[in-house]
Protein backbone atom coordinates (compact mmCIF):
# COMPACT_ATOMS: atom_id res chain seq x y z
CA UNK A 1 -100.96 2.70 -33.81
CA UNK A 2 -101.92 1.99 -30.20
CA UNK A 3 -99.85 -1.26 -30.16
CA UNK A 4 -96.86 0.66 -31.46
CA UNK A 5 -97.27 3.28 -28.74
CA UNK A 6 -97.32 0.63 -25.98
CA UNK A 7 -94.22 -1.22 -27.41
CA UNK A 8 -92.29 2.10 -27.42
CA UNK A 9 -93.32 2.73 -23.73
CA UNK A 10 -92.20 -0.65 -22.71
CA UNK A 11 -88.90 -0.33 -24.53
CA UNK A 12 -88.11 2.86 -22.40
CA UNK A 13 -89.53 1.24 -19.34
CA UNK A 14 -92.22 3.79 -18.86
CA UNK A 15 -95.62 2.98 -17.15
CA UNK A 16 -98.80 3.79 -18.94
CA UNK A 17 -100.37 4.29 -15.55
CA UNK A 18 -97.80 6.54 -13.94
CA UNK A 19 -99.07 9.54 -11.98
CA UNK A 20 -98.69 12.88 -13.69
CA UNK A 21 -95.74 14.89 -12.50
CA UNK A 22 -96.88 17.91 -10.11
CA UNK A 23 -97.52 21.26 -11.63
CA UNK A 24 -96.78 24.36 -9.89
CA UNK A 25 -99.78 26.46 -9.65
CA UNK A 26 -100.07 29.71 -11.53
CA UNK A 27 -99.48 32.86 -9.45
CA UNK A 28 -102.72 34.59 -8.22
CA UNK A 29 -103.74 37.36 -10.44
CA UNK A 30 -103.86 40.85 -9.06
CA UNK A 31 -107.58 41.74 -8.27
CA UNK A 32 -108.26 45.38 -9.26
CA UNK A 33 -111.43 47.47 -9.67
CA UNK A 34 -109.55 49.48 -12.39
CA UNK A 35 -107.22 48.06 -14.81
CA UNK A 36 -103.62 49.18 -14.90
CA UNK A 37 -103.97 51.21 -18.08
CA UNK A 38 -107.36 52.68 -16.99
CA UNK A 39 -107.91 56.00 -15.38
CA UNK A 40 -107.77 55.78 -11.47
CA UNK A 41 -111.06 56.35 -9.57
CA UNK A 42 -112.20 59.77 -8.86
CA UNK A 43 -111.68 61.40 -5.46
CA UNK A 44 -114.28 60.90 -2.90
CA UNK A 45 -114.73 64.57 -2.34
CA UNK A 46 -115.09 65.33 -6.11
CA UNK A 47 -117.70 62.33 -6.31
CA UNK A 48 -119.66 63.65 -3.33
CA UNK A 49 -119.59 67.37 -4.85
CA UNK A 50 -120.87 66.34 -8.23
CA UNK A 51 -123.49 63.82 -7.18
CA UNK A 52 -124.75 66.52 -4.74
CA UNK A 53 -126.32 68.09 -7.70
CA UNK A 54 -128.82 65.35 -7.89
CA UNK A 55 -131.80 66.33 -5.84
CA UNK A 56 -133.49 63.63 -3.78
CA UNK A 57 -136.34 63.04 -1.45
CA UNK A 58 -135.53 62.42 2.18
CA UNK A 59 -136.79 59.50 4.25
CA UNK A 60 -136.52 57.88 7.80
CA UNK A 61 -136.09 54.06 7.72
CA UNK A 62 -137.21 52.51 11.01
CA UNK A 63 -137.56 49.15 12.51
CA UNK A 64 -138.76 47.53 15.73
CA UNK A 65 -135.67 45.96 17.09
CA UNK A 66 -136.57 42.45 18.67
CA UNK A 67 -134.21 43.53 21.52
CA UNK A 68 -136.48 45.40 23.65
CA UNK A 69 -133.66 46.92 25.87
CA UNK A 70 -132.53 48.83 22.70
CA UNK A 71 -135.91 50.16 21.72
CA UNK A 72 -136.82 51.06 18.03
CA UNK A 73 -134.18 51.70 15.43
CA UNK A 74 -134.05 54.27 12.72
CA UNK A 75 -131.77 56.45 10.54
CA UNK A 76 -132.16 59.23 7.91
CA UNK A 77 -131.87 57.91 4.38
CA UNK A 78 -131.73 59.70 1.05
CA UNK A 79 -131.03 56.68 -1.08
CA UNK A 80 -134.51 55.30 -1.18
CA UNK A 81 -136.19 54.33 -4.50
CA UNK A 82 -139.11 52.25 -5.86
CA UNK A 83 -137.59 49.11 -7.57
CA UNK A 84 -140.49 47.04 -8.93
CA UNK A 85 -144.30 47.14 -9.53
CA UNK A 86 -144.83 43.30 -9.77
CA UNK A 87 -143.99 42.27 -7.22
CA UNK A 88 -144.08 45.52 -5.35
CA UNK A 89 -140.42 46.23 -4.25
CA UNK A 90 -138.49 49.20 -2.91
CA UNK A 91 -134.77 49.60 -2.11
CA UNK A 92 -132.54 51.82 0.00
CA UNK A 93 -128.76 51.90 0.61
CA UNK A 94 -127.03 51.92 3.90
CA UNK A 95 -123.26 52.24 4.87
CA UNK A 96 -121.75 48.97 5.86
CA UNK A 97 -120.30 50.68 8.80
CA UNK A 98 -123.81 51.72 10.05
CA UNK A 99 -124.62 50.70 13.56
CA UNK A 100 -128.34 51.05 12.98
CA UNK A 101 -128.38 48.55 10.06
CA UNK A 102 -127.67 45.40 12.06
CA UNK A 103 -130.75 46.31 14.23
CA UNK A 104 -132.98 46.57 11.20
CA UNK A 105 -131.47 43.46 9.74
CA UNK A 106 -132.26 41.63 13.03
CA UNK A 107 -135.95 42.86 12.72
CA UNK A 108 -136.14 41.56 9.29
CA UNK A 109 -138.52 44.45 8.33
CA UNK A 110 -138.69 48.11 8.12
CA UNK A 111 -140.94 51.09 7.51
CA UNK A 112 -139.94 53.98 5.10
CA UNK A 113 -141.14 57.22 6.52
CA UNK A 114 -141.29 59.84 3.62
CA UNK A 115 -140.69 63.21 5.08
CA UNK A 116 -142.58 66.42 4.29
CA UNK A 117 -141.05 69.79 3.63
CA UNK A 118 -141.47 71.06 7.14
CA UNK A 119 -139.65 67.99 8.80
CA UNK A 120 -136.04 69.00 8.37
CA UNK A 121 -135.47 69.13 12.16
CA UNK A 122 -136.84 65.58 12.34
CA UNK A 123 -134.58 64.29 9.70
CA UNK A 124 -131.35 65.91 11.42
CA UNK A 125 -132.32 64.30 14.59
CA UNK A 126 -132.17 60.82 12.90
CA UNK A 127 -129.03 61.68 10.94
CA UNK A 128 -126.80 61.73 13.95
CA UNK A 129 -125.05 58.46 15.33
CA UNK A 130 -125.96 57.23 18.74
CA UNK A 131 -128.29 58.73 21.38
CA UNK A 132 -132.11 58.06 21.57
CA UNK A 133 -133.34 59.21 18.26
CA UNK A 134 -136.94 58.52 19.11
CA UNK A 135 -136.87 60.91 22.26
CA UNK A 136 -139.93 63.00 22.02
CA UNK A 137 -140.97 61.52 18.70
CA UNK A 138 -144.54 60.10 18.37
CA UNK A 139 -145.19 57.02 16.37
CA UNK A 140 -147.44 54.01 16.10
CA UNK A 141 -146.87 50.52 14.75
CA UNK A 142 -147.11 50.03 11.05
CA UNK A 143 -150.00 47.60 10.14
CA UNK A 144 -147.98 44.65 8.46
CA UNK A 145 -144.55 44.58 10.38
CA UNK A 146 -145.00 46.71 13.47
CA UNK A 147 -142.25 48.99 12.58
CA UNK A 148 -142.41 52.55 13.84
CA UNK A 149 -144.68 54.66 11.65
CA UNK A 150 -143.90 58.30 12.45
CA UNK A 151 -146.71 60.80 13.10
CA UNK A 152 -147.46 63.34 10.62
CA UNK A 153 -145.30 61.94 7.73
CA UNK A 154 -147.09 62.52 4.38
CA UNK A 155 -146.46 58.87 3.19
CA UNK A 156 -145.03 55.59 4.36
CA UNK A 157 -144.23 52.18 2.99
CA UNK A 158 -144.26 49.09 5.26
CA UNK A 159 -141.72 46.31 4.15
CA UNK A 160 -140.16 43.02 4.93
CA UNK A 161 -136.52 42.49 3.87
CA UNK A 162 -136.44 40.36 0.63
CA UNK A 163 -132.68 40.57 -0.20
CA UNK A 164 -129.45 42.38 0.71
CA UNK A 165 -126.70 42.96 -1.83
CA UNK A 166 -123.15 44.36 -1.54
CA UNK A 167 -122.39 47.53 -3.36
CA UNK A 168 -118.88 48.78 -2.45
CA UNK A 169 -118.85 50.48 0.91
CA UNK A 170 -122.73 50.27 1.03
CA UNK A 171 -125.35 47.61 1.20
CA UNK A 172 -128.36 47.54 -1.17
CA UNK A 173 -131.49 46.55 0.71
CA UNK A 174 -134.49 45.34 -1.13
CA UNK A 175 -137.82 45.23 0.67
CA UNK A 176 -141.07 43.74 -0.34
CA UNK A 177 -143.96 46.08 0.23
CA UNK A 178 -146.53 44.69 2.65
CA UNK A 179 -148.60 47.89 3.22
CA UNK A 180 -148.31 51.65 2.37
CA UNK A 181 -150.35 54.90 2.72
CA UNK A 182 -150.29 58.53 2.10
CA UNK A 183 -151.95 61.35 3.92
CA UNK A 184 -151.00 64.14 1.66
CA UNK A 185 -150.35 67.58 3.35
CA UNK A 186 -147.23 69.43 2.70
CA UNK A 187 -144.85 68.83 -0.26
CA UNK A 188 -141.84 66.70 0.01
CA UNK A 189 -138.54 67.48 1.86
CA UNK A 190 -135.74 67.70 -0.65
CA UNK A 191 -132.01 67.43 -0.27
CA UNK A 192 -129.63 69.32 -2.66
CA UNK A 193 -126.00 70.31 -2.31
CA UNK A 194 -126.07 69.68 1.33
CA UNK A 195 -129.02 71.68 2.14
CA UNK A 196 -132.74 70.98 2.46
CA UNK A 197 -135.43 72.57 0.43
CA UNK A 198 -138.91 72.27 -0.86
CA UNK A 199 -140.68 71.66 -4.10
CA UNK A 200 -142.46 74.52 -5.92
CA UNK A 201 -144.30 74.45 -9.30
């Protein structure tokens, strides 16, 4: 059969080693988060309104920026959670537009300061963009990373950055816990539907 094929190709003056004819590439597919026949995403305002019903604790994530001229960095953060027991990991989410996050990333480490019920004003001061958020705020160096450990917080978690993942318009930061502690005291500061509150039995 092979010999017959070779004789045929020779009879029509074709080459068995000819380069294949070029093929036009397929058009690039439309990259969509939602398929054409699927329901479009919900409105941002509705997403925020509904998810506001989920009460959360409140933290301040701090870091010691290696650029001494800028001083320490920090921001108020609701999206903090424990992630793994072995190894001990925690996570928080930060907007990709955050001006504080690059400074924390540069430090490679952070301290999660878990706020108490009476620290709403402290949280608000770290929730604003720009300015010296540490003005009048007392702190010491966290034992493992040197990140700012704020005075009078009921609990803290000292971490080194282990991984960073993208998640839409936010980054998912995973930290490996190097040290932690709790002083007790007041109950937690809670955030629910745009307002601070406190826990009661």
